Amino acid sequence: MRNRGNEMNRDRNHSPAFLAALFLLLYCVSSAYAQWKPAGAKLMTRWGKTVSPVKVHQEYPRPQLARADWVNLNGLWDYAIRP
């Protein structure tokens, strides 16, 4: 008769190689997010030079098509999904 408890316990434990690979993957993903920055523009227009994530255009780009309740969404967002 086989000892089934030992087999079940072994299946539940993760191997050290799996845990090391998981840790490495999480480390690489987190460092990629930490190094993010806006890309530089190679072709800059005279209007594009005045725009930055801190100072975005405040008016609608086409005033003749403006909506009364329009909100400018340019720039960096502080967005999080929370439970």
C-alpha atoms as a PDB file:
ATOM      1  CA  MET A   1       0.000   0.000   0.000  1.00  0.00           C
ATOM      2  CA  ARG A   2       1.316   3.449  -0.924  1.00  0.00           C
ATOM      3  CA  ASN A   3       1.501   6.423   1.356  1.00  0.00           C
ATOM      4  CA  ARG A   4      -0.810   8.914  -0.393  1.00  0.00           C
ATOM      5  CA  GLY A   5      -0.256  11.666   2.172  1.00  0.00           C
ATOM      6  CA  ASN A   6       3.382  12.026   1.157  1.00  0.00           C
ATOM      7  CA  GLU A   7       2.453  12.316  -2.558  1.00  0.00           C
ATOM      8  CA  MET A   8      -0.148  14.989  -1.892  1.00  0.00           C
ATOM      9  CA  ASN A   9       2.263  16.957   0.258  1.00  0.00           C
ATOM     10  CA  ARG A  10       4.936  16.836  -2.453  1.00  0.00           C
ATOM     11  CA  ASP A  11       2.483  18.078  -5.111  1.00  0.00           C
ATOM     12  CA  ARG A  12       1.484  21.017  -2.944  1.00  0.00           C
ATOM     13  CA  ASN A  13       5.057  22.228  -2.357  1.00  0.00           C
ATOM     14  CA  HIS A  14       6.674  24.232  -5.141  1.00  0.00           C
ATOM     15  CA  SER A  15      10.169  23.398  -6.226  1.00  0.00           C
ATOM     16  CA  PRO A  16      12.985  25.880  -5.478  1.00  0.00           C
ATOM     17  CA  ALA A  17      13.564  26.351  -9.221  1.00  0.00           C
ATOM     18  CA  PHE A  18       9.920  27.370  -9.724  1.00  0.00           C
ATOM     19  CA  LEU A  19      10.052  29.823  -6.824  1.00  0.00           C
ATOM     20  CA  ALA A  20      13.335  31.306  -8.083  1.00  0.00           C
ATOM     21  CA  ALA A  21      11.880  31.769 -11.583  1.00  0.00           C
ATOM     22  CA  LEU A  22       8.756  33.387 -10.140  1.00  0.00           C
ATOM     23  CA  PHE A  23      10.833  35.767  -8.005  1.00  0.00           C
ATOM     24  CA  LEU A  24      13.014  36.678 -11.004  1.00  0.00           C
ATOM     25  CA  LEU A  25       9.952  37.371 -13.156  1.00  0.00           C
ATOM     26  CA  LEU A  26       8.378  39.614 -10.513  1.00  0.00           C
ATOM     27  CA  TYR A  27      11.672  41.452 -10.005  1.00  0.00           C
ATOM     28  CA  CYS A  28      12.073  42.130 -13.739  1.00  0.00           C
ATOM     29  CA  VAL A  29       8.498  43.366 -14.108  1.00  0.00           C
ATOM     30  CA  SER A  30       8.755  45.700 -11.117  1.00  0.00           C
ATOM     31  CA  SER A  31      12.047  47.199 -12.307  1.00  0.00           C
ATOM     32  CA  ALA A  32      10.555  47.829 -15.770  1.00  0.00           C
ATOM     33  CA  TYR A  33       7.768  49.905 -14.232  1.00  0.00           C
ATOM     34  CA  ALA A  34      10.216  51.816 -12.033  1.00  0.00           C
ATOM     35  CA  GLN A  35      12.322  52.845 -15.047  1.00  0.00           C
ATOM     36  CA  TRP A  36       9.426  54.177 -17.150  1.00  0.00           C
ATOM     37  CA  LYS A  37       9.666  57.727 -18.442  1.00  0.00           C
ATOM     38  CA  PRO A  38       8.055  59.538 -21.378  1.00  0.00           C
ATOM     39  CA  ALA A  39       9.808  58.990 -24.695  1.00  0.00           C
ATOM     40  CA  GLY A  40      11.557  61.911 -26.336  1.00  0.00           C
ATOM     41  CA  ALA A  41      10.035  63.481 -29.435  1.00  0.00           C
ATOM     42  CA  LYS A  42      12.214  63.463 -32.532  1.00  0.00           C
ATOM     43  CA  LEU A  43       9.925  65.672 -34.640  1.00  0.00           C
ATOM     44  CA  MET A  44       8.870  68.570 -32.435  1.00  0.00           C
ATOM     45  CA  THR A  45       6.393  71.216 -33.601  1.00  0.00           C
ATOM     46  CA  ARG A  46       6.302  74.734 -32.225  1.00  0.00           C
ATOM     47  CA  TRP A  47       3.189  73.788 -30.233  1.00  0.00           C
ATOM     48  CA  GLY A  48       4.661  70.517 -29.018  1.00  0.00           C
ATOM     49  CA  LYS A  49       7.632  72.303 -27.445  1.00  0.00           C
ATOM     50  CA  THR A  50       5.329  74.031 -24.958  1.00  0.00           C
ATOM     51  CA  VAL A  51       3.634  70.809 -23.782  1.00  0.00           C
ATOM     52  CA  SER A  52       4.917  68.637 -20.937  1.00  0.00           C
ATOM     53  CA  PRO A  53       3.220  66.176 -18.547  1.00  0.00           C
ATOM     54  CA  VAL A  54       3.209  68.955 -15.954  1.00  0.00           C
ATOM     55  CA  LYS A  55       1.986  71.719 -18.300  1.00  0.00           C
ATOM     56  CA  VAL A  56      -0.605  70.429 -20.788  1.00  0.00           C
ATOM     57  CA  HIS A  57      -2.773  72.468 -23.166  1.00  0.00           C
ATOM     58  CA  GLN A  58      -5.758  73.742 -21.204  1.00  0.00           C
ATOM     59  CA  GLU A  59      -8.088  74.454 -24.112  1.00  0.00           C
ATOM     60  CA  TYR A  60      -9.798  72.095 -26.524  1.00  0.00           C
ATOM     61  CA  PRO A  61      -7.669  71.639 -29.675  1.00  0.00           C
ATOM     62  CA  ARG A  62     -10.585  72.591 -31.972  1.00  0.00           C
ATOM     63  CA  PRO A  63     -12.584  75.388 -30.319  1.00  0.00           C
ATOM     64  CA  GLN A  64     -15.316  75.235 -32.985  1.00  0.00           C
ATOM     65  CA  LEU A  65     -16.069  71.627 -31.899  1.00  0.00           C
ATOM     66  CA  ALA A  66     -15.826  72.277 -28.151  1.00  0.00           C
ATOM     67  CA  ARG A  67     -18.238  70.617 -25.724  1.00  0.00           C
ATOM     68  CA  ALA A  68     -19.506  72.393 -22.627  1.00  0.00           C
ATOM     69  CA  ASP A  69     -18.456  69.569 -20.272  1.00  0.00           C
ATOM     70  CA  TRP A  70     -15.128  68.654 -21.936  1.00  0.00           C
ATOM     71  CA  VAL A  71     -12.184  67.744 -19.675  1.00  0.00           C
ATOM     72  CA  ASN A  72      -8.584  67.568 -20.894  1.00  0.00           C
ATOM     73  CA  LEU A  73      -7.109  64.096 -20.191  1.00  0.00           C
ATOM     74  CA  ASN A  74      -3.575  64.823 -21.442  1.00  0.00           C
ATOM     75  CA  GLY A  75      -0.660  64.278 -19.093  1.00  0.00           C
ATOM     76  CA  LEU A  76       0.144  61.609 -16.505  1.00  0.00           C
ATOM     77  CA  TRP A  77      -2.763  59.980 -14.683  1.00  0.00           C
ATOM     78  CA  ASP A  78      -2.876  58.898 -11.061  1.00  0.00           C
ATOM     79  CA  TYR A  79      -5.058  55.835 -11.640  1.00  0.00           C
ATOM     80  CA  ALA A  80      -5.527  52.727  -9.521  1.00  0.00           C
ATOM     81  CA  ILE A  81      -8.110  49.947  -9.369  1.00  0.00           C
ATOM     82  CA  ARG A  82      -8.962  49.220  -5.771  1.00  0.00           C
ATOM     83  CA  PRO A  83     -11.231  46.554  -4.299  1.00  0.00           C
END
